[in-house]
Amino acid sequence: MLPPDEYLALLTDHEWEDRQNKKIQRLLKQAGFRQKASIGDKLSGRQKTG
């Protein structure tokens, strides 16, 4: 069992990460990129099409 302060810190971190991920997804959608690619695709030389 976590102490209350560590539990609150864990919840706060999770909420912050969730909000950041939602912000990134919203901005990517607004940007309207034609191709979706990840950094892993660029590093390995592969590129997704479609």
PDB file of N, CA and C in Angstrom:
ATOM      1  N   MET A   1       0.835  -1.184   0.000  1.00  0.00           N
ATOM      2  CA  MET A   1       0.000   0.000   0.000  1.00  0.00           C
ATOM      3  C   MET A   1       0.880   1.248   0.000  1.00  0.00           C
ATOM      4  N   LEU A   2       0.523   2.193  -0.845  1.00  0.00           N
ATOM      5  CA  LEU A   2       1.307   3.425  -0.934  1.00  0.00           C
ATOM      6  C   LEU A   2       0.851   4.431   0.116  1.00  0.00           C
ATOM      7  N   PRO A   3       1.795   5.198   0.624  1.00  0.00           N
ATOM      8  CA  PRO A   3       1.414   6.290   1.517  1.00  0.00           C
ATOM      9  C   PRO A   3       0.578   7.315   0.743  1.00  0.00           C
ATOM     10  N   PRO A   4      -0.270   8.066   1.414  1.00  0.00           N
ATOM     11  CA  PRO A   4      -1.148   9.018   0.721  1.00  0.00           C
ATOM     12  C   PRO A   4      -0.418  10.013  -0.175  1.00  0.00           C
ATOM     13  N   ASP A   5       0.737  10.520   0.254  1.00  0.00           N
ATOM     14  CA  ASP A   5       1.445  11.490  -0.578  1.00  0.00           C
ATOM     15  C   ASP A   5       1.994  10.859  -1.859  1.00  0.00           C
ATOM     16  N   GLU A   6       2.475   9.626  -1.786  1.00  0.00           N
ATOM     17  CA  GLU A   6       2.958   8.946  -2.993  1.00  0.00           C
ATOM     18  C   GLU A   6       1.801   8.599  -3.923  1.00  0.00           C
ATOM     19  N   TYR A   7       0.666   8.209  -3.338  1.00  0.00           N
ATOM     20  CA  TYR A   7      -0.521   7.896  -4.136  1.00  0.00           C
ATOM     21  C   TYR A   7      -1.014   9.134  -4.880  1.00  0.00           C
ATOM     22  N   LEU A   8      -1.047  10.267  -4.183  1.00  0.00           N
ATOM     23  CA  LEU A   8      -1.462  11.514  -4.817  1.00  0.00           C
ATOM     24  C   LEU A   8      -0.490  11.911  -5.924  1.00  0.00           C
ATOM     25  N   ALA A   9       0.803  11.723  -5.693  1.00  0.00           N
ATOM     26  CA  ALA A   9       1.806  12.030  -6.715  1.00  0.00           C
ATOM     27  C   ALA A   9       1.616  11.139  -7.940  1.00  0.00           C
ATOM     28  N   LEU A  10       1.326   9.871  -7.719  1.00  0.00           N
ATOM     29  CA  LEU A  10       1.092   8.941  -8.816  1.00  0.00           C
ATOM     30  C   LEU A  10      -0.133   9.348  -9.634  1.00  0.00           C
ATOM     31  N   LEU A  11      -1.212   9.689  -8.941  1.00  0.00           N
ATOM     32  CA  LEU A  11      -2.429  10.138  -9.628  1.00  0.00           C
ATOM     33  C   LEU A  11      -2.191  11.425 -10.413  1.00  0.00           C
ATOM     34  N   THR A  12      -1.447  12.339  -9.816  1.00  0.00           N
ATOM     35  CA  THR A  12      -1.151  13.615 -10.470  1.00  0.00           C
ATOM     36  C   THR A  12      -0.309  13.390 -11.729  1.00  0.00           C
ATOM     37  N   ASP A  13       0.704  12.547 -11.629  1.00  0.00           N
ATOM     38  CA  ASP A  13       1.536  12.242 -12.801  1.00  0.00           C
ATOM     39  C   ASP A  13       0.724  11.603 -13.909  1.00  0.00           C
ATOM     40  N   HIS A  14      -0.143  10.669 -13.547  1.00  0.00           N
ATOM     41  CA  HIS A  14      -0.974   9.995 -14.538  1.00  0.00           C
ATOM     42  C   HIS A  14      -1.903  10.989 -15.235  1.00  0.00           C
ATOM     43  N   GLU A  15      -2.502  11.872 -14.483  1.00  0.00           N
ATOM     44  CA  GLU A  15      -3.406  12.876 -15.058  1.00  0.00           C
ATOM     45  C   GLU A  15      -2.652  13.811 -15.994  1.00  0.00           C
ATOM     46  N   TRP A  16      -1.457  14.242 -15.590  1.00  0.00           N
ATOM     47  CA  TRP A  16      -0.659  15.140 -16.421  1.00  0.00           C
ATOM     48  C   TRP A  16      -0.276  14.460 -17.736  1.00  0.00           C
ATOM     49  N   GLU A  17       0.168  13.195 -17.657  1.00  0.00           N
ATOM     50  CA  GLU A  17       0.534  12.454 -18.867  1.00  0.00           C
ATOM     51  C   GLU A  17      -0.670  12.265 -19.778  1.00  0.00           C
ATOM     52  N   ASP A  18      -1.825  11.972 -19.203  1.00  0.00           N
ATOM     53  CA  ASP A  18      -3.041  11.796 -19.992  1.00  0.00           C
ATOM     54  C   ASP A  18      -3.407  13.085 -20.726  1.00  0.00           C
ATOM     55  N   ARG A  19      -3.321  14.200 -20.033  1.00  0.00           N
ATOM     56  CA  ARG A  19      -3.635  15.491 -20.664  1.00  0.00           C
ATOM     57  C   ARG A  19      -2.637  15.829 -21.757  1.00  0.00           C
ATOM     58  N   GLN A  20      -1.359  15.553 -21.527  1.00  0.00           N
ATOM     59  CA  GLN A  20      -0.343  15.811 -22.550  1.00  0.00           C
ATOM     60  C   GLN A  20      -0.586  14.953 -23.793  1.00  0.00           C
ATOM     61  N   ASN A  21      -0.910  13.672 -23.591  1.00  0.00           N
ATOM     62  CA  ASN A  21      -1.173  12.786 -24.722  1.00  0.00           C
ATOM     63  C   ASN A  21      -2.385  13.247 -25.513  1.00  0.00           C
ATOM     64  N   LYS A  22      -3.435  13.679 -24.821  1.00  0.00           N
ATOM     65  CA  LYS A  22      -4.626  14.193 -25.506  1.00  0.00           C
ATOM     66  C   LYS A  22      -4.303  15.465 -26.284  1.00  0.00           C
ATOM     67  N   LYS A  23      -3.473  16.322 -25.705  1.00  0.00           N
ATOM     68  CA  LYS A  23      -3.072  17.558 -26.382  1.00  0.00           C
ATOM     69  C   LYS A  23      -2.299  17.242 -27.665  1.00  0.00           C
ATOM     70  N   ILE A  24      -1.360  16.302 -27.574  1.00  0.00           N
ATOM     71  CA  ILE A  24      -0.570  15.916 -28.741  1.00  0.00           C
ATOM     72  C   ILE A  24      -1.468  15.332 -29.825  1.00  0.00           C
ATOM     73  N   GLN A  25      -2.391  14.447 -29.439  1.00  0.00           N
ATOM     74  CA  GLN A  25      -3.304  13.848 -30.415  1.00  0.00           C
ATOM     75  C   GLN A  25      -4.171  14.915 -31.083  1.00  0.00           C
ATOM     76  N   ARG A  26      -4.661  15.878 -30.298  1.00  0.00           N
ATOM     77  CA  ARG A  26      -5.492  16.957 -30.845  1.00  0.00           C
ATOM     78  C   ARG A  26      -4.684  17.809 -31.827  1.00  0.00           C
ATOM     79  N   LEU A  27      -3.454  18.151 -31.466  1.00  0.00           N
ATOM     80  CA  LEU A  27      -2.620  18.968 -32.341  1.00  0.00           C
ATOM     81  C   LEU A  27      -2.247  18.227 -33.625  1.00  0.00           C
ATOM     82  N   LEU A  28      -1.972  16.924 -33.514  1.00  0.00           N
ATOM     83  CA  LEU A  28      -1.673  16.141 -34.711  1.00  0.00           C
ATOM     84  C   LEU A  28      -2.876  16.090 -35.645  1.00  0.00           C
ATOM     85  N   LYS A  29      -4.053  15.946 -35.066  1.00  0.00           N
ATOM     86  CA  LYS A  29      -5.270  15.900 -35.877  1.00  0.00           C
ATOM     87  C   LYS A  29      -5.504  17.253 -36.559  1.00  0.00           C
ATOM     88  N   GLN A  30      -5.288  18.343 -35.828  1.00  0.00           N
ATOM     89  CA  GLN A  30      -5.465  19.676 -36.388  1.00  0.00           C
ATOM     90  C   GLN A  30      -4.446  19.973 -37.482  1.00  0.00           C
ATOM     91  N   ALA A  31      -3.244  19.408 -37.352  1.00  0.00           N
ATOM     92  CA  ALA A  31      -2.194  19.663 -38.334  1.00  0.00           C
ATOM     93  C   ALA A  31      -2.560  19.081 -39.694  1.00  0.00           C
ATOM     94  N   GLY A  32      -3.319  17.997 -39.694  1.00  0.00           N
ATOM     95  CA  GLY A  32      -3.790  17.413 -40.946  1.00  0.00           C
ATOM     96  C   GLY A  32      -2.686  16.837 -41.812  1.00  0.00           C
ATOM     97  N   PHE A  33      -1.722  16.161 -41.202  1.00  0.00           N
ATOM     98  CA  PHE A  33      -0.664  15.538 -41.995  1.00  0.00           C
ATOM     99  C   PHE A  33      -1.260  14.488 -42.928  1.00  0.00           C
ATOM    100  N   ARG A  34      -0.710  14.396 -44.125  1.00  0.00           N
ATOM    101  CA  ARG A  34      -1.216  13.426 -45.089  1.00  0.00           C
ATOM    102  C   ARG A  34      -0.722  12.022 -44.816  1.00  0.00           C
ATOM    103  N   GLN A  35       0.478  11.891 -44.284  1.00  0.00           N
ATOM    104  CA  GLN A  35       1.031  10.575 -43.998  1.00  0.00           C
ATOM    105  C   GLN A  35       1.293  10.457 -42.508  1.00  0.00           C
ATOM    106  N   LYS A  36       1.033   9.284 -41.989  1.00  0.00           N
ATOM    107  CA  LYS A  36       1.329   9.028 -40.582  1.00  0.00           C
ATOM    108  C   LYS A  36       2.609   8.214 -40.524  1.00  0.00           C
ATOM    109  N   ALA A  37       3.554   8.679 -39.748  1.00  0.00           N
ATOM    110  CA  ALA A  37       4.814   7.963 -39.587  1.00  0.00           C
ATOM    111  C   ALA A  37       5.274   8.142 -38.153  1.00  0.00           C
ATOM    112  N   SER A  38       6.044   7.204 -37.686  1.00  0.00           N
ATOM    113  CA  SER A  38       6.604   7.318 -36.346  1.00  0.00           C
ATOM    114  C   SER A  38       8.108   7.495 -36.465  1.00  0.00           C
ATOM    115  N   ILE A  39       8.726   7.917 -35.403  1.00  0.00           N
ATOM    116  CA  ILE A  39      10.175   8.095 -35.407  1.00  0.00           C
ATOM    117  C   ILE A  39      10.871   6.761 -35.674  1.00  0.00           C
ATOM    118  N   GLY A  40      10.289   5.666 -35.217  1.00  0.00           N
ATOM    119  CA  GLY A  40      10.871   4.350 -35.458  1.00  0.00           C
ATOM    120  C   GLY A  40      10.911   4.011 -36.940  1.00  0.00           C
ATOM    121  N   ASP A  41       9.879   4.433 -37.677  1.00  0.00           N
ATOM    122  CA  ASP A  41       9.861   4.194 -39.122  1.00  0.00           C
ATOM    123  C   ASP A  41      10.976   4.970 -39.808  1.00  0.00           C
ATOM    124  N   LYS A  42      11.218   6.192 -39.381  1.00  0.00           N
ATOM    125  CA  LYS A  42      12.262   7.014 -39.991  1.00  0.00           C
ATOM    126  C   LYS A  42      13.655   6.473 -39.662  1.00  0.00           C
ATOM    127  N   LEU A  43      13.833   6.007 -38.437  1.00  0.00           N
ATOM    128  CA  LEU A  43      15.149   5.513 -38.045  1.00  0.00           C
ATOM    129  C   LEU A  43      15.499   4.206 -38.734  1.00  0.00           C
ATOM    130  N   SER A  44      14.505   3.384 -39.015  1.00  0.00           N
ATOM    131  CA  SER A  44      14.784   2.091 -39.630  1.00  0.00           C
ATOM    132  C   SER A  44      14.757   2.157 -41.149  1.00  0.00           C
ATOM    133  N   GLY A  45      14.377   3.316 -41.694  1.00  0.00           N
ATOM    134  CA  GLY A  45      14.350   3.464 -43.145  1.00  0.00           C
ATOM    135  C   GLY A  45      13.042   3.045 -43.767  1.00  0.00           C
ATOM    136  N   ARG A  46      12.114   2.568 -42.956  1.00  0.00           N
ATOM    137  CA  ARG A  46      10.801   2.172 -43.469  1.00  0.00           C
ATOM    138  C   ARG A  46       9.887   3.392 -43.450  1.00  0.00           C
ATOM    139  N   GLN A  47       8.891   3.355 -44.304  1.00  0.00           N
ATOM    140  CA  GLN A  47       7.909   4.428 -44.306  1.00  0.00           C
ATOM    141  C   GLN A  47       6.541   3.824 -44.561  1.00  0.00           C
ATOM    142  N   LYS A  48       5.571   4.203 -43.729  1.00  0.00           N
ATOM    143  CA  LYS A  48       4.210   3.720 -43.910  1.00  0.00           C
ATOM    144  C   LYS A  48       3.565   4.480 -45.060  1.00  0.00           C
ATOM    145  N   THR A  49       2.754   3.783 -45.826  1.00  0.00           N
ATOM    146  CA  THR A  49       2.024   4.432 -46.891  1.00  0.00           C
ATOM    147  C   THR A  49       0.542   4.280 -46.624  1.00  0.00           C
ATOM    148  N   GLY A  50      -0.213   5.283 -47.078  1.00  0.00           N
ATOM    149  CA  GLY A  50      -1.650   5.181 -46.961  1.00  0.00           C
ATOM    150  C   GLY A  50      -2.213   5.762 -45.794  1.00  0.00           C
TER     151      GLY A  50
END
